[in-house]
C-alpha atoms as a PDB file:
ATOM      1  CA  MET A   1      19.793  97.987 327.279  1.00  0.00           C
ATOM      2  CA  LEU A   2      22.316  98.936 324.676  1.00  0.00           C
ATOM      3  CA  LYS A   3      25.225  96.607 324.162  1.00  0.00           C
ATOM      4  CA  LEU A   4      27.532  99.550 324.801  1.00  0.00           C
ATOM      5  CA  PHE A   5      26.406  99.644 328.437  1.00  0.00           C
ATOM      6  CA  GLU A   6      26.426  95.902 329.074  1.00  0.00           C
ATOM      7  CA  THR A   7      29.197  94.288 331.014  1.00  0.00           C
ATOM      8  CA  ARG A   8      31.200  91.554 329.346  1.00  0.00           C
ATOM      9  CA  ASP A   9      29.874  89.145 331.959  1.00  0.00           C
ATOM     10  CA  ARG A  10      26.247  89.977 331.051  1.00  0.00           C
ATOM     11  CA  GLN A  11      26.988  89.578 327.338  1.00  0.00           C
ATOM     12  CA  LEU A  12      28.512  86.135 327.907  1.00  0.00           C
ATOM     13  CA  LYS A  13      25.674  84.945 330.154  1.00  0.00           C
ATOM     14  CA  ASP A  14      23.056  86.119 327.655  1.00  0.00           C
ATOM     15  CA  ALA A  15      24.912  84.475 324.758  1.00  0.00           C
ATOM     16  CA  LEU A  16      25.084  81.168 326.645  1.00  0.00           C
ATOM     17  CA  GLU A  17      21.419  81.336 327.588  1.00  0.00           C
ATOM     18  CA  LEU A  18      20.430  82.208 324.043  1.00  0.00           C
ATOM     19  CA  ARG A  19      22.464  79.287 322.674  1.00  0.00           C
ATOM     20  CA  ARG A  20      20.862  76.903 325.191  1.00  0.00           C
ATOM     21  CA  LEU A  21      17.363  78.137 324.352  1.00  0.00           C
ATOM     22  CA  GLU A  22      18.040  77.933 320.625  1.00  0.00           C
ATOM     23  CA  THR A  23      19.085  74.302 321.038  1.00  0.00           C
ATOM     24  CA  LYS A  24      15.940  73.566 323.036  1.00  0.00           C
ATOM     25  CA  TYR A  25      13.354  75.444 320.928  1.00  0.00           C
ATOM     26  CA  GLY A  26      14.946  75.694 317.476  1.00  0.00           C
ATOM     27  CA  ASP A  27      12.781  77.580 314.990  1.00  0.00           C
ATOM     28  CA  GLU A  28      10.192  78.347 317.669  1.00  0.00           C
ATOM     29  CA  LEU A  29      12.680  80.363 319.740  1.00  0.00           C
ATOM     30  CA  VAL A  30      11.396  83.850 318.883  1.00  0.00           C
ATOM     31  CA  ALA A  31       7.772  82.825 319.455  1.00  0.00           C
ATOM     32  CA  VAL A  32       8.621  81.307 322.853  1.00  0.00           C
ATOM     33  CA  LEU A  33      10.604  84.372 323.895  1.00  0.00           C
ATOM     34  CA  ARG A  34       7.823  86.675 322.696  1.00  0.00           C
ATOM     35  CA  ASP A  35       5.328  84.755 324.856  1.00  0.00           C
ATOM     36  CA  ARG A  36       7.593  84.908 327.899  1.00  0.00           C
ATOM     37  CA  ALA A  37       8.259  88.624 327.421  1.00  0.00           C
ATOM     38  CA  ALA A  38       4.517  89.313 327.292  1.00  0.00           C
ATOM     39  CA  ASP A  39       3.506  87.023 330.178  1.00  0.00           C
ATOM     40  CA  ARG A  40       1.829  89.359 332.666  1.00  0.00           C
ATOM     41  CA  SER A  41       1.885  86.696 335.391  1.00  0.00           C
ATOM     42  CA  MET A  42       5.673  87.164 335.688  1.00  0.00           C
ATOM     43  CA  ARG A  43       7.330  89.924 337.614  1.00  0.00           C
ATOM     44  CA  ILE A  44       8.397  92.946 335.543  1.00  0.00           C
ATOM     45  CA  ARG A  45      12.044  92.113 336.267  1.00  0.00           C
ATOM     46  CA  ASP A  46      11.626  88.685 334.668  1.00  0.00           C
ATOM     47  CA  ARG A  47       9.715  90.085 331.679  1.00  0.00           C
ATOM     48  CA  ARG A  48      12.494  92.613 331.070  1.00  0.00           C
ATOM     49  CA  HIS A  49      15.013  89.781 331.121  1.00  0.00           C
ATOM     50  CA  TRP A  50      13.035  87.911 328.436  1.00  0.00           C
ATOM     51  CA  GLN A  51      12.588  91.121 326.431  1.00  0.00           C
ATOM     52  CA  ARG A  52      16.374  91.583 326.417  1.00  0.00           C
ATOM     53  CA  ILE A  53      16.938  87.983 325.316  1.00  0.00           C
ATOM     54  CA  LEU A  54      14.239  88.375 322.643  1.00  0.00           C
ATOM     55  CA  ARG A  55      15.952  91.497 321.251  1.00  0.00           C
ATOM     56  CA  LYS A  56      19.223  89.597 321.014  1.00  0.00           C
ATOM     57  CA  ALA A  57      17.532  86.635 319.327  1.00  0.00           C
ATOM     58  CA  ARG A  58      15.955  88.939 316.743  1.00  0.00           C
ATOM     59  CA  ASN A  59      19.306  90.618 316.094  1.00  0.00           C
ATOM     60  CA  LEU A  60      20.858  87.230 315.312  1.00  0.00           C
ATOM     61  CA  GLY A  61      18.448  86.811 312.431  1.00  0.00           C
ATOM     62  CA  PRO A  62      17.641  83.511 310.739  1.00  0.00           C
ATOM     63  CA  ARG A  63      20.074  80.670 311.265  1.00  0.00           C
END
């Protein structure tokens, strides 16, 4: 989903989740998100959520 079409609420929730995950996983964050986004045992809705978070993590670049 393009940022243009995201609600402010969704942007804030994703930013908070991304910050929490970054604290938990550190340098492994992108790898963990990639695994979650590709996990076929999850529902498609959940995989799309992780794909969106992964895109945002990649856009942040190295920290």
